[in-house]
């Protein structure tokens, strides 16, 4: 009878970090930014304060890491769902639907909590700006993969993609106080048509 393999120290550390980051995301969703204290996170993670402080020396370090964690999760979700899309003329519209689905879901809601808090928290803002710059190249790669080679090879794709991300982020904020999902979807459908026209611009 073979004995179960023991996890390495790095594997145990990675598991601890994952528990802490998942707990942070859940706190952001359930309690908001101000309710997401290190005490609340360690309680949800079922870990000691020493374990938390060993990996994240401050609340800001923890929240920035959670922001990266959220970006990684959203990117992985998009890439997995994009794998089933055909690279044809309908793909950009389907890609926008997938983007909107992720931006109107809980992972993006938790991200919004961090962005809103950074307006008045200078330390968090500086850390998030640095993190976002590091994530930009990865985001561009994910968007090219999501929209497919046909659309991403167009000269106007980068500009159209940037405007689409800005639009969807604004729509996600608007949806917080908008009860009509049908009206919101009509706006998204209108943007799909505009996106197609933007790709055709010289």
N, C-alpha and C. Protein backbone atom coordinates (compact mmCIF):
# COMPACT_ATOMS: atom_id res chain seq x y z
N UNK A 1 0.84 -1.20 0.00
CA UNK A 1 0.00 0.00 0.00
C UNK A 1 0.88 1.25 0.00
N UNK A 2 0.67 2.11 -1.00
CA UNK A 2 1.50 3.31 -1.10
C UNK A 2 0.98 4.40 -0.18
N UNK A 3 1.90 5.16 0.38
CA UNK A 3 1.55 6.26 1.26
C UNK A 3 1.17 7.49 0.44
N UNK A 4 0.24 8.32 0.93
CA UNK A 4 -0.12 9.53 0.19
C UNK A 4 1.07 10.48 0.11
N UNK A 5 1.20 11.14 -1.03
CA UNK A 5 2.31 12.07 -1.22
C UNK A 5 2.12 13.29 -0.32
N UNK A 6 3.20 13.71 0.32
CA UNK A 6 3.15 14.90 1.18
C UNK A 6 3.37 16.14 0.31
N UNK A 7 2.60 17.17 0.62
CA UNK A 7 2.75 18.42 -0.14
C UNK A 7 4.06 19.11 0.24
N UNK A 8 4.66 19.78 -0.75
CA UNK A 8 5.87 20.55 -0.48
C UNK A 8 5.50 21.83 0.26
N UNK A 9 6.51 22.50 0.79
CA UNK A 9 6.28 23.76 1.49
C UNK A 9 5.66 24.79 0.57
N UNK A 10 6.13 24.83 -0.68
CA UNK A 10 5.58 25.79 -1.64
C UNK A 10 4.12 25.49 -1.95
N UNK A 11 3.78 24.22 -2.05
CA UNK A 11 2.39 23.85 -2.29
C UNK A 11 1.50 24.24 -1.12
N UNK A 12 2.03 24.03 0.11
CA UNK A 12 1.25 24.44 1.29
C UNK A 12 1.09 25.95 1.33
N UNK A 13 2.14 26.69 0.98
CA UNK A 13 2.07 28.15 0.98
C UNK A 13 1.08 28.64 -0.08
N UNK A 14 1.11 28.02 -1.24
CA UNK A 14 0.19 28.40 -2.31
C UNK A 14 -1.26 28.14 -1.89
N UNK A 15 -1.48 27.02 -1.20
CA UNK A 15 -2.82 26.71 -0.72
C UNK A 15 -3.30 27.72 0.32
N UNK A 16 -2.39 28.14 1.19
CA UNK A 16 -2.75 29.15 2.20
C UNK A 16 -3.10 30.48 1.54
N UNK A 17 -2.27 30.89 0.57
CA UNK A 17 -2.55 32.15 -0.13
C UNK A 17 -3.89 32.09 -0.85
N UNK A 18 -4.19 30.96 -1.48
CA UNK A 18 -5.47 30.82 -2.19
C UNK A 18 -6.64 30.95 -1.22
N UNK A 19 -6.53 30.33 -0.05
CA UNK A 19 -7.60 30.43 0.95
C UNK A 19 -7.79 31.88 1.40
N UNK A 20 -6.69 32.58 1.61
CA UNK A 20 -6.78 33.97 2.04
C UNK A 20 -7.38 34.87 0.96
N UNK A 21 -6.99 34.65 -0.28
CA UNK A 21 -7.49 35.48 -1.37
C UNK A 21 -8.96 35.20 -1.65
N UNK A 22 -9.35 33.93 -1.62
CA UNK A 22 -10.77 33.60 -1.81
C UNK A 22 -11.61 34.20 -0.68
N UNK A 23 -11.08 34.15 0.54
CA UNK A 23 -11.80 34.73 1.68
C UNK A 23 -11.92 36.24 1.52
N UNK A 24 -10.87 36.88 1.00
CA UNK A 24 -10.90 38.34 0.78
C UNK A 24 -11.96 38.71 -0.25
N UNK A 25 -12.02 37.95 -1.34
CA UNK A 25 -13.03 38.21 -2.37
C UNK A 25 -14.44 38.05 -1.79
N UNK A 26 -14.65 37.01 -1.02
CA UNK A 26 -15.97 36.79 -0.41
C UNK A 26 -16.33 37.91 0.56
N UNK A 27 -15.35 38.41 1.30
CA UNK A 27 -15.60 39.53 2.21
C UNK A 27 -15.97 40.79 1.42
N UNK A 28 -15.26 41.05 0.33
CA UNK A 28 -15.57 42.23 -0.49
C UNK A 28 -17.00 42.16 -1.02
N UNK A 29 -17.43 40.97 -1.41
CA UNK A 29 -18.78 40.80 -1.93
C UNK A 29 -19.84 40.95 -0.85
N UNK A 30 -19.59 40.35 0.31
CA UNK A 30 -20.60 40.31 1.36
C UNK A 30 -20.57 41.52 2.29
N UNK A 31 -19.37 42.06 2.52
CA UNK A 31 -19.21 43.12 3.53
C UNK A 31 -18.79 44.46 2.94
N UNK A 32 -18.38 44.48 1.67
CA UNK A 32 -17.88 45.71 1.09
C UNK A 32 -16.44 45.97 1.53
N UNK A 33 -15.85 47.03 0.98
CA UNK A 33 -14.45 47.33 1.25
C UNK A 33 -14.20 47.59 2.74
N UNK A 34 -15.03 48.44 3.35
CA UNK A 34 -14.78 48.82 4.74
C UNK A 34 -14.99 47.65 5.71
N UNK A 35 -15.83 46.70 5.33
CA UNK A 35 -16.03 45.55 6.19
C UNK A 35 -14.99 44.46 5.99
N UNK A 36 -14.17 44.62 4.95
CA UNK A 36 -13.14 43.63 4.65
C UNK A 36 -11.90 43.95 5.47
N UNK A 37 -11.92 43.57 6.71
CA UNK A 37 -10.78 43.74 7.61
C UNK A 37 -9.92 42.48 7.58
N UNK A 38 -8.69 42.61 8.04
CA UNK A 38 -7.83 41.42 8.10
C UNK A 38 -8.41 40.38 9.06
N UNK A 39 -9.08 40.85 10.13
CA UNK A 39 -9.69 39.93 11.08
C UNK A 39 -10.82 39.14 10.42
N UNK A 40 -11.64 39.84 9.60
CA UNK A 40 -12.74 39.17 8.92
C UNK A 40 -12.21 38.15 7.91
N UNK A 41 -11.13 38.51 7.22
CA UNK A 41 -10.55 37.61 6.21
C UNK A 41 -9.99 36.35 6.87
N UNK A 42 -9.20 36.53 7.95
CA UNK A 42 -8.61 35.35 8.58
C UNK A 42 -9.66 34.44 9.19
N UNK A 43 -10.77 35.04 9.67
CA UNK A 43 -11.85 34.22 10.22
C UNK A 43 -12.50 33.39 9.12
N UNK A 44 -12.76 34.02 7.97
CA UNK A 44 -13.38 33.27 6.87
C UNK A 44 -12.45 32.21 6.30
N UNK A 45 -11.17 32.52 6.29
CA UNK A 45 -10.20 31.57 5.75
C UNK A 45 -9.91 30.44 6.74
N UNK A 46 -10.28 30.65 8.01
CA UNK A 46 -10.00 29.64 9.02
C UNK A 46 -8.52 29.54 9.34
N UNK A 47 -7.83 30.71 9.29
CA UNK A 47 -6.39 30.74 9.52
C UNK A 47 -6.05 31.73 10.63
N UNK A 48 -4.87 31.61 11.17
CA UNK A 48 -4.44 32.51 12.23
C UNK A 48 -3.98 33.84 11.67
N UNK A 49 -3.90 34.84 12.54
CA UNK A 49 -3.39 36.14 12.11
C UNK A 49 -1.93 36.01 11.66
N UNK A 50 -1.17 35.14 12.35
CA UNK A 50 0.22 34.93 11.98
C UNK A 50 0.36 34.41 10.56
N UNK A 51 -0.54 33.49 10.17
CA UNK A 51 -0.51 32.94 8.81
C UNK A 51 -0.80 34.03 7.78
N UNK A 52 -1.78 34.89 8.10
CA UNK A 52 -2.11 35.98 7.18
C UNK A 52 -0.94 36.94 7.04
N UNK A 53 -0.38 37.38 8.16
CA UNK A 53 0.69 38.36 8.14
C UNK A 53 1.97 37.80 7.52
N UNK A 54 2.16 36.48 7.58
CA UNK A 54 3.33 35.87 6.96
C UNK A 54 3.31 36.07 5.45
N UNK A 55 2.12 36.02 4.86
CA UNK A 55 2.00 36.15 3.41
C UNK A 55 1.69 37.57 2.96
N UNK A 56 0.95 38.32 3.76
CA UNK A 56 0.56 39.68 3.40
C UNK A 56 0.76 40.59 4.61
N UNK A 57 1.77 41.44 4.50
CA UNK A 57 2.19 42.23 5.67
C UNK A 57 1.20 43.33 6.04
N UNK A 58 0.33 43.71 5.12
CA UNK A 58 -0.65 44.77 5.41
C UNK A 58 -1.95 44.48 4.68
N UNK A 59 -2.99 45.21 5.06
CA UNK A 59 -4.28 45.07 4.39
C UNK A 59 -4.16 45.46 2.93
N UNK A 60 -3.36 46.50 2.63
CA UNK A 60 -3.18 46.92 1.24
C UNK A 60 -2.54 45.80 0.42
N UNK A 61 -1.50 45.17 0.96
CA UNK A 61 -0.86 44.05 0.24
C UNK A 61 -1.88 42.95 -0.06
N UNK A 62 -2.72 42.65 0.91
CA UNK A 62 -3.74 41.61 0.75
C UNK A 62 -4.74 42.00 -0.33
N UNK A 63 -5.20 43.24 -0.31
CA UNK A 63 -6.22 43.68 -1.26
C UNK A 63 -5.67 43.75 -2.68
N UNK A 64 -4.44 44.21 -2.84
CA UNK A 64 -3.84 44.25 -4.17
C UNK A 64 -3.67 42.84 -4.71
N UNK A 65 -3.22 41.92 -3.85
CA UNK A 65 -3.11 40.52 -4.28
C UNK A 65 -4.46 39.96 -4.66
N UNK A 66 -5.50 40.35 -3.91
CA UNK A 66 -6.86 39.90 -4.24
C UNK A 66 -7.29 40.46 -5.59
N UNK A 67 -6.89 41.71 -5.89
CA UNK A 67 -7.20 42.29 -7.19
C UNK A 67 -6.58 41.50 -8.33
N UNK A 68 -5.32 41.09 -8.15
CA UNK A 68 -4.66 40.26 -9.17
C UNK A 68 -5.36 38.90 -9.28
N UNK A 69 -5.72 38.36 -8.13
CA UNK A 69 -6.42 37.08 -8.08
C UNK A 69 -7.73 37.16 -8.86
N UNK A 70 -8.46 38.25 -8.67
CA UNK A 70 -9.72 38.45 -9.39
C UNK A 70 -9.48 38.56 -10.90
N UNK A 71 -8.45 39.31 -11.29
CA UNK A 71 -8.13 39.46 -12.71
C UNK A 71 -7.77 38.11 -13.32
N UNK A 72 -6.99 37.31 -12.59
CA UNK A 72 -6.62 35.98 -13.09
C UNK A 72 -7.85 35.10 -13.26
N UNK A 73 -8.76 35.16 -12.28
CA UNK A 73 -9.97 34.34 -12.36
C UNK A 73 -10.85 34.77 -13.53
N UNK A 74 -11.01 36.08 -13.70
CA UNK A 74 -11.84 36.56 -14.82
C UNK A 74 -11.21 36.18 -16.15
N UNK A 75 -9.88 36.31 -16.24
CA UNK A 75 -9.19 35.94 -17.48
C UNK A 75 -9.32 34.46 -17.79
N UNK A 76 -9.15 33.63 -16.77
CA UNK A 76 -9.27 32.18 -16.97
C UNK A 76 -10.69 31.81 -17.38
N UNK A 77 -11.67 32.47 -16.77
CA UNK A 77 -13.06 32.22 -17.10
C UNK A 77 -13.34 32.58 -18.56
N UNK A 78 -12.84 33.73 -18.99
CA UNK A 78 -13.06 34.17 -20.38
C UNK A 78 -12.38 33.23 -21.37
N UNK A 79 -11.15 32.84 -21.08
CA UNK A 79 -10.41 31.99 -22.01
C UNK A 79 -11.07 30.62 -22.13
N UNK A 80 -11.57 30.10 -21.02
CA UNK A 80 -12.23 28.79 -21.06
C UNK A 80 -13.50 28.86 -21.89
N UNK A 81 -14.27 29.94 -21.71
CA UNK A 81 -15.53 30.06 -22.45
C UNK A 81 -15.29 30.43 -23.91
N UNK A 82 -14.19 31.12 -24.20
CA UNK A 82 -13.88 31.50 -25.58
C UNK A 82 -13.46 30.30 -26.42
N UNK A 83 -13.00 29.23 -25.77
CA UNK A 83 -12.51 28.07 -26.51
C UNK A 83 -13.57 27.45 -27.40
N UNK A 84 -14.84 27.65 -27.05
CA UNK A 84 -15.92 27.05 -27.83
C UNK A 84 -16.48 27.95 -28.92
N UNK A 85 -15.92 29.14 -29.09
CA UNK A 85 -16.44 30.07 -30.09
C UNK A 85 -15.78 29.84 -31.45
N UNK A 86 -16.58 29.89 -32.50
CA UNK A 86 -16.04 29.78 -33.85
C UNK A 86 -15.46 31.13 -34.27
N UNK A 87 -14.32 31.10 -34.98
CA UNK A 87 -13.68 32.35 -35.40
C UNK A 87 -14.30 32.82 -36.71
N UNK A 88 -15.54 33.34 -36.59
CA UNK A 88 -16.24 33.83 -37.77
C UNK A 88 -16.73 35.24 -37.52
N UNK A 89 -17.56 35.77 -38.41
CA UNK A 89 -17.97 37.17 -38.31
C UNK A 89 -18.87 37.44 -37.11
N UNK A 90 -19.47 36.41 -36.51
CA UNK A 90 -20.31 36.58 -35.34
C UNK A 90 -19.53 36.56 -34.02
N UNK A 91 -18.24 36.21 -34.09
CA UNK A 91 -17.48 36.05 -32.86
C UNK A 91 -17.37 37.33 -32.02
N UNK A 92 -17.12 38.52 -32.61
CA UNK A 92 -17.05 39.72 -31.77
C UNK A 92 -18.30 39.96 -30.94
N UNK A 93 -19.47 39.72 -31.51
CA UNK A 93 -20.71 39.91 -30.76
C UNK A 93 -20.80 38.92 -29.61
N UNK A 94 -20.42 37.68 -29.87
CA UNK A 94 -20.43 36.67 -28.80
C UNK A 94 -19.39 37.01 -27.73
N UNK A 95 -18.24 37.54 -28.17
CA UNK A 95 -17.19 37.91 -27.22
C UNK A 95 -17.67 39.04 -26.31
N UNK A 96 -18.38 40.01 -26.86
CA UNK A 96 -18.90 41.12 -26.06
C UNK A 96 -19.93 40.60 -25.05
N UNK A 97 -20.75 39.64 -25.47
CA UNK A 97 -21.70 39.03 -24.53
C UNK A 97 -20.97 38.36 -23.37
N UNK A 98 -19.88 37.65 -23.68
CA UNK A 98 -19.11 36.98 -22.62
C UNK A 98 -18.47 38.00 -21.69
N UNK A 99 -17.92 39.07 -22.27
CA UNK A 99 -17.33 40.13 -21.45
C UNK A 99 -18.36 40.75 -20.53
N UNK A 100 -19.53 41.03 -21.08
CA UNK A 100 -20.58 41.64 -20.28
C UNK A 100 -21.03 40.70 -19.16
N UNK A 101 -21.09 39.41 -19.46
CA UNK A 101 -21.50 38.45 -18.45
C UNK A 101 -20.53 38.45 -17.28
N UNK A 102 -19.22 38.54 -17.57
CA UNK A 102 -18.25 38.57 -16.48
C UNK A 102 -18.28 39.90 -15.74
N UNK A 103 -18.56 40.98 -16.45
CA UNK A 103 -18.56 42.29 -15.80
C UNK A 103 -19.84 42.57 -15.03
N UNK A 104 -20.84 41.75 -15.23
CA UNK A 104 -22.07 41.92 -14.45
C UNK A 104 -22.20 40.81 -13.40
N UNK A 105 -21.08 40.10 -13.17
CA UNK A 105 -21.07 39.01 -12.20
C UNK A 105 -20.30 39.37 -10.93
N UNK A 106 -20.23 38.44 -9.99
CA UNK A 106 -19.63 38.72 -8.67
C UNK A 106 -18.15 39.04 -8.70
N UNK A 107 -17.37 38.43 -9.61
CA UNK A 107 -15.94 38.70 -9.63
C UNK A 107 -15.66 40.17 -9.96
N UNK A 108 -16.42 40.72 -10.90
CA UNK A 108 -16.22 42.13 -11.25
C UNK A 108 -16.77 43.05 -10.17
N UNK A 109 -17.85 42.63 -9.51
CA UNK A 109 -18.41 43.42 -8.42
C UNK A 109 -17.37 43.61 -7.31
N UNK A 110 -16.64 42.55 -7.00
CA UNK A 110 -15.59 42.64 -5.99
C UNK A 110 -14.48 43.58 -6.45
N UNK A 111 -14.16 43.55 -7.74
CA UNK A 111 -13.15 44.45 -8.29
C UNK A 111 -13.59 45.90 -8.16
N UNK A 112 -14.87 46.17 -8.43
CA UNK A 112 -15.40 47.53 -8.29
C UNK A 112 -15.25 48.07 -6.87
N UNK A 113 -15.41 47.18 -5.88
CA UNK A 113 -15.23 47.60 -4.49
C UNK A 113 -13.82 48.15 -4.28
N UNK A 114 -12.83 47.48 -4.86
CA UNK A 114 -11.45 47.94 -4.72
C UNK A 114 -11.22 49.25 -5.46
N UNK A 115 -11.72 49.34 -6.68
CA UNK A 115 -11.51 50.57 -7.46
C UNK A 115 -12.16 51.77 -6.78
N UNK A 116 -13.37 51.59 -6.28
CA UNK A 116 -14.07 52.69 -5.62
C UNK A 116 -13.31 53.14 -4.36
N UNK A 117 -12.81 52.17 -3.60
CA UNK A 117 -12.09 52.50 -2.37
C UNK A 117 -10.79 53.24 -2.67
N UNK A 118 -10.17 52.96 -3.80
CA UNK A 118 -8.88 53.57 -4.12
C UNK A 118 -9.01 55.08 -4.39
N UNK A 119 -10.22 55.56 -4.60
CA UNK A 119 -10.40 57.00 -4.84
C UNK A 119 -9.96 57.82 -3.65
N UNK A 120 -10.19 57.32 -2.45
CA UNK A 120 -9.85 58.06 -1.24
C UNK A 120 -8.75 57.41 -0.41
N UNK A 121 -8.21 56.30 -0.89
CA UNK A 121 -7.13 55.61 -0.18
C UNK A 121 -5.89 55.68 -1.07
N UNK A 122 -5.02 56.66 -0.78
CA UNK A 122 -3.88 56.92 -1.65
C UNK A 122 -2.94 55.72 -1.76
N UNK A 123 -2.72 55.02 -0.64
CA UNK A 123 -1.83 53.87 -0.65
C UNK A 123 -2.38 52.75 -1.53
N UNK A 124 -3.68 52.49 -1.39
CA UNK A 124 -4.32 51.45 -2.22
C UNK A 124 -4.29 51.86 -3.68
N UNK A 125 -4.54 53.13 -3.96
CA UNK A 125 -4.55 53.61 -5.35
C UNK A 125 -3.18 53.41 -6.01
N UNK A 126 -2.11 53.80 -5.31
CA UNK A 126 -0.77 53.65 -5.89
C UNK A 126 -0.47 52.17 -6.18
N UNK A 127 -0.82 51.32 -5.23
CA UNK A 127 -0.55 49.89 -5.40
C UNK A 127 -1.38 49.29 -6.54
N UNK A 128 -2.65 49.70 -6.63
CA UNK A 128 -3.50 49.17 -7.70
C UNK A 128 -3.05 49.66 -9.07
N UNK A 129 -2.62 50.93 -9.16
CA UNK A 129 -2.14 51.45 -10.44
C UNK A 129 -0.94 50.66 -10.93
N UNK A 130 -0.02 50.37 -10.02
CA UNK A 130 1.16 49.58 -10.39
C UNK A 130 0.75 48.17 -10.82
N UNK A 131 -0.18 47.59 -10.11
CA UNK A 131 -0.65 46.25 -10.44
C UNK A 131 -1.35 46.23 -11.79
N UNK A 132 -2.20 47.24 -12.04
CA UNK A 132 -2.94 47.30 -13.30
C UNK A 132 -2.00 47.45 -14.50
N UNK A 133 -0.93 48.23 -14.33
CA UNK A 133 0.05 48.37 -15.42
C UNK A 133 0.68 47.01 -15.73
N UNK A 134 0.96 46.24 -14.69
CA UNK A 134 1.54 44.93 -14.91
C UNK A 134 0.60 43.95 -15.58
N UNK A 135 -0.71 44.14 -15.34
CA UNK A 135 -1.71 43.23 -15.89
C UNK A 135 -2.11 43.59 -17.32
N UNK A 136 -1.73 44.78 -17.78
CA UNK A 136 -2.24 45.28 -19.06
C UNK A 136 -1.85 44.37 -20.23
N UNK A 137 -0.59 43.97 -20.29
CA UNK A 137 -0.15 43.12 -21.41
C UNK A 137 -0.90 41.80 -21.41
N UNK A 138 -1.13 41.26 -20.20
CA UNK A 138 -1.88 40.01 -20.10
C UNK A 138 -3.32 40.20 -20.57
N UNK A 139 -3.92 41.34 -20.21
CA UNK A 139 -5.29 41.63 -20.62
C UNK A 139 -5.38 41.73 -22.14
N UNK A 140 -4.42 42.40 -22.77
CA UNK A 140 -4.44 42.52 -24.23
C UNK A 140 -4.40 41.14 -24.89
N UNK A 141 -3.60 40.25 -24.32
CA UNK A 141 -3.49 38.90 -24.88
C UNK A 141 -4.81 38.14 -24.73
N UNK A 142 -5.45 38.28 -23.56
CA UNK A 142 -6.72 37.60 -23.31
C UNK A 142 -7.80 38.13 -24.27
N UNK A 143 -7.81 39.45 -24.50
CA UNK A 143 -8.82 40.03 -25.38
C UNK A 143 -8.62 39.57 -26.83
N UNK A 144 -7.37 39.49 -27.27
CA UNK A 144 -7.10 39.01 -28.63
C UNK A 144 -7.56 37.56 -28.78
N UNK A 145 -7.33 36.77 -27.74
CA UNK A 145 -7.75 35.36 -27.77
C UNK A 145 -9.27 35.25 -27.75
N UNK A 146 -9.91 36.12 -26.95
CA UNK A 146 -11.37 36.08 -26.84
C UNK A 146 -12.05 36.47 -28.15
N UNK A 147 -11.56 37.54 -28.78
CA UNK A 147 -12.21 38.04 -30.00
C UNK A 147 -11.78 37.30 -31.26
N UNK A 148 -10.70 36.52 -31.17
CA UNK A 148 -10.29 35.69 -32.29
C UNK A 148 -9.37 36.41 -33.25
N UNK A 149 -8.67 35.62 -34.07
CA UNK A 149 -7.66 36.17 -34.98
C UNK A 149 -8.26 37.08 -36.03
N UNK A 150 -9.46 36.76 -36.49
CA UNK A 150 -10.09 37.56 -37.54
C UNK A 150 -10.27 39.01 -37.10
N UNK A 151 -10.82 39.21 -35.88
CA UNK A 151 -11.07 40.57 -35.39
C UNK A 151 -9.80 41.22 -34.86
N UNK A 152 -8.99 40.48 -34.10
CA UNK A 152 -7.82 41.08 -33.46
C UNK A 152 -6.72 41.46 -34.43
N UNK A 153 -6.77 40.94 -35.66
CA UNK A 153 -5.77 41.30 -36.67
C UNK A 153 -6.12 42.60 -37.39
N UNK A 154 -7.32 43.12 -37.16
CA UNK A 154 -7.73 44.38 -37.80
C UNK A 154 -6.95 45.55 -37.18
N UNK A 155 -6.50 46.51 -38.00
CA UNK A 155 -5.74 47.65 -37.48
C UNK A 155 -6.48 48.45 -36.41
N UNK A 156 -7.81 48.49 -36.49
CA UNK A 156 -8.59 49.29 -35.55
C UNK A 156 -8.95 48.53 -34.27
N UNK A 157 -8.48 47.28 -34.14
CA UNK A 157 -8.93 46.45 -33.02
C UNK A 157 -8.53 47.04 -31.66
N UNK A 158 -7.30 47.48 -31.51
CA UNK A 158 -6.84 47.97 -30.21
C UNK A 158 -7.69 49.12 -29.71
N UNK A 159 -7.98 50.08 -30.59
CA UNK A 159 -8.82 51.21 -30.20
C UNK A 159 -10.24 50.80 -29.90
N UNK A 160 -10.80 49.93 -30.74
CA UNK A 160 -12.17 49.47 -30.53
C UNK A 160 -12.28 48.68 -29.24
N UNK A 161 -11.23 47.90 -28.92
CA UNK A 161 -11.24 47.11 -27.70
C UNK A 161 -11.17 47.99 -26.47
N UNK A 162 -10.34 49.03 -26.52
CA UNK A 162 -10.22 49.93 -25.38
C UNK A 162 -11.55 50.64 -25.11
N UNK A 163 -12.22 51.10 -26.16
CA UNK A 163 -13.52 51.76 -26.00
C UNK A 163 -14.57 50.78 -25.46
N UNK A 164 -14.49 49.53 -25.91
CA UNK A 164 -15.44 48.52 -25.45
C UNK A 164 -15.28 48.25 -23.96
N UNK A 165 -14.04 48.13 -23.50
CA UNK A 165 -13.80 47.90 -22.08
C UNK A 165 -14.29 49.09 -21.24
N UNK A 166 -14.03 50.31 -21.72
CA UNK A 166 -14.49 51.49 -21.00
C UNK A 166 -16.03 51.53 -20.95
N UNK A 167 -16.65 51.20 -22.07
CA UNK A 167 -18.11 51.20 -22.13
C UNK A 167 -18.71 50.16 -21.19
N UNK A 168 -18.18 48.95 -21.21
CA UNK A 168 -18.74 47.88 -20.39
C UNK A 168 -18.53 48.14 -18.90
N UNK A 169 -17.41 48.75 -18.55
CA UNK A 169 -17.20 49.10 -17.14
C UNK A 169 -18.24 50.13 -16.69
N UNK A 170 -18.50 51.11 -17.56
CA UNK A 170 -19.54 52.10 -17.24
C UNK A 170 -20.91 51.46 -17.15
N UNK A 171 -21.19 50.54 -18.06
CA UNK A 171 -22.48 49.85 -18.04
C UNK A 171 -22.63 49.02 -16.77
N UNK A 172 -21.53 48.42 -16.31
CA UNK A 172 -21.58 47.63 -15.07
C UNK A 172 -21.92 48.51 -13.88
N UNK A 173 -21.36 49.72 -13.84
CA UNK A 173 -21.68 50.65 -12.76
C UNK A 173 -23.15 51.08 -12.84
N UNK A 174 -23.61 51.38 -14.04
CA UNK A 174 -25.00 51.80 -14.24
C UNK A 174 -25.98 50.71 -13.82
N UNK A 175 -25.61 49.46 -14.07
CA UNK A 175 -26.53 48.35 -13.79
C UNK A 175 -26.81 48.18 -12.30
N UNK A 176 -25.95 48.74 -11.45
CA UNK A 176 -26.17 48.63 -10.00
C UNK A 176 -27.49 49.28 -9.61
N UNK A 177 -27.86 50.37 -10.29
CA UNK A 177 -29.09 51.09 -9.96
C UNK A 177 -30.15 50.97 -11.06
N UNK A 178 -29.95 50.04 -11.98
CA UNK A 178 -30.93 49.87 -13.07
C UNK A 178 -31.60 48.52 -12.92
N UNK A 179 -32.91 48.53 -12.80
CA UNK A 179 -33.65 47.28 -12.59
C UNK A 179 -34.00 46.56 -13.88
N UNK A 180 -34.07 47.29 -14.99
CA UNK A 180 -34.48 46.69 -16.25
C UNK A 180 -33.32 46.01 -16.96
N UNK A 181 -33.24 44.69 -16.86
CA UNK A 181 -32.19 43.94 -17.55
C UNK A 181 -32.40 43.97 -19.06
N UNK A 182 -33.68 44.04 -19.47
CA UNK A 182 -33.96 44.09 -20.90
C UNK A 182 -33.41 45.36 -21.53
N UNK A 183 -33.58 46.47 -20.84
CA UNK A 183 -33.07 47.74 -21.35
C UNK A 183 -31.55 47.73 -21.40
N UNK A 184 -30.94 47.15 -20.38
CA UNK A 184 -29.48 47.08 -20.34
C UNK A 184 -28.96 46.22 -21.49
N UNK A 185 -29.63 45.10 -21.76
CA UNK A 185 -29.19 44.23 -22.85
C UNK A 185 -29.34 44.92 -24.19
N UNK A 186 -30.38 45.75 -24.33
CA UNK A 186 -30.56 46.48 -25.58
C UNK A 186 -29.40 47.43 -25.83
N UNK A 187 -28.88 48.03 -24.78
CA UNK A 187 -27.73 48.92 -24.90
C UNK A 187 -26.49 48.12 -25.31
N UNK A 188 -26.32 46.95 -24.72
CA UNK A 188 -25.17 46.09 -25.07
C UNK A 188 -25.27 45.66 -26.53
N UNK A 189 -26.47 45.30 -26.97
CA UNK A 189 -26.67 44.88 -28.36
C UNK A 189 -26.34 46.03 -29.32
N UNK A 190 -26.68 47.25 -28.91
CA UNK A 190 -26.34 48.40 -29.74
C UNK A 190 -24.84 48.58 -29.85
N UNK A 191 -24.13 48.32 -28.75
CA UNK A 191 -22.68 48.46 -28.79
C UNK A 191 -22.03 47.44 -29.73
N UNK A 192 -22.61 46.25 -29.82
CA UNK A 192 -22.07 45.24 -30.73
C UNK A 192 -22.03 45.76 -32.16
N UNK A 193 -23.08 46.46 -32.55
CA UNK A 193 -23.13 47.02 -33.91
C UNK A 193 -22.08 48.10 -34.08
N UNK A 194 -21.92 48.94 -33.05
CA UNK A 194 -20.91 49.99 -33.12
C UNK A 194 -19.50 49.39 -33.21
N UNK A 195 -19.28 48.31 -32.50
CA UNK A 195 -17.98 47.66 -32.51
C UNK A 195 -17.64 47.18 -33.93
N UNK A 196 -18.60 46.60 -34.60
CA UNK A 196 -18.37 46.13 -35.97
C UNK A 196 -17.99 47.29 -36.88
N UNK A 197 -18.67 48.43 -36.71
CA UNK A 197 -18.35 49.62 -37.52
C UNK A 197 -16.96 50.14 -37.19
N UNK A 198 -16.58 50.10 -35.90
CA UNK A 198 -15.25 50.58 -35.50
C UNK A 198 -14.15 49.74 -36.14
N UNK A 199 -14.38 48.44 -36.23
CA UNK A 199 -13.35 47.58 -36.86
C UNK A 199 -13.18 47.89 -38.33
N UNK A 200 -14.23 48.39 -38.95
CA UNK A 200 -14.17 48.67 -40.39
C UNK A 200 -13.52 50.02 -40.70
N UNK A 201 -13.34 50.85 -39.63
CA UNK A 201 -12.73 52.17 -39.86
C UNK A 201 -11.27 52.01 -40.26
N UNK A 202 -10.81 52.83 -41.22
CA UNK A 202 -9.41 52.73 -41.66
C UNK A 202 -8.47 53.21 -40.56
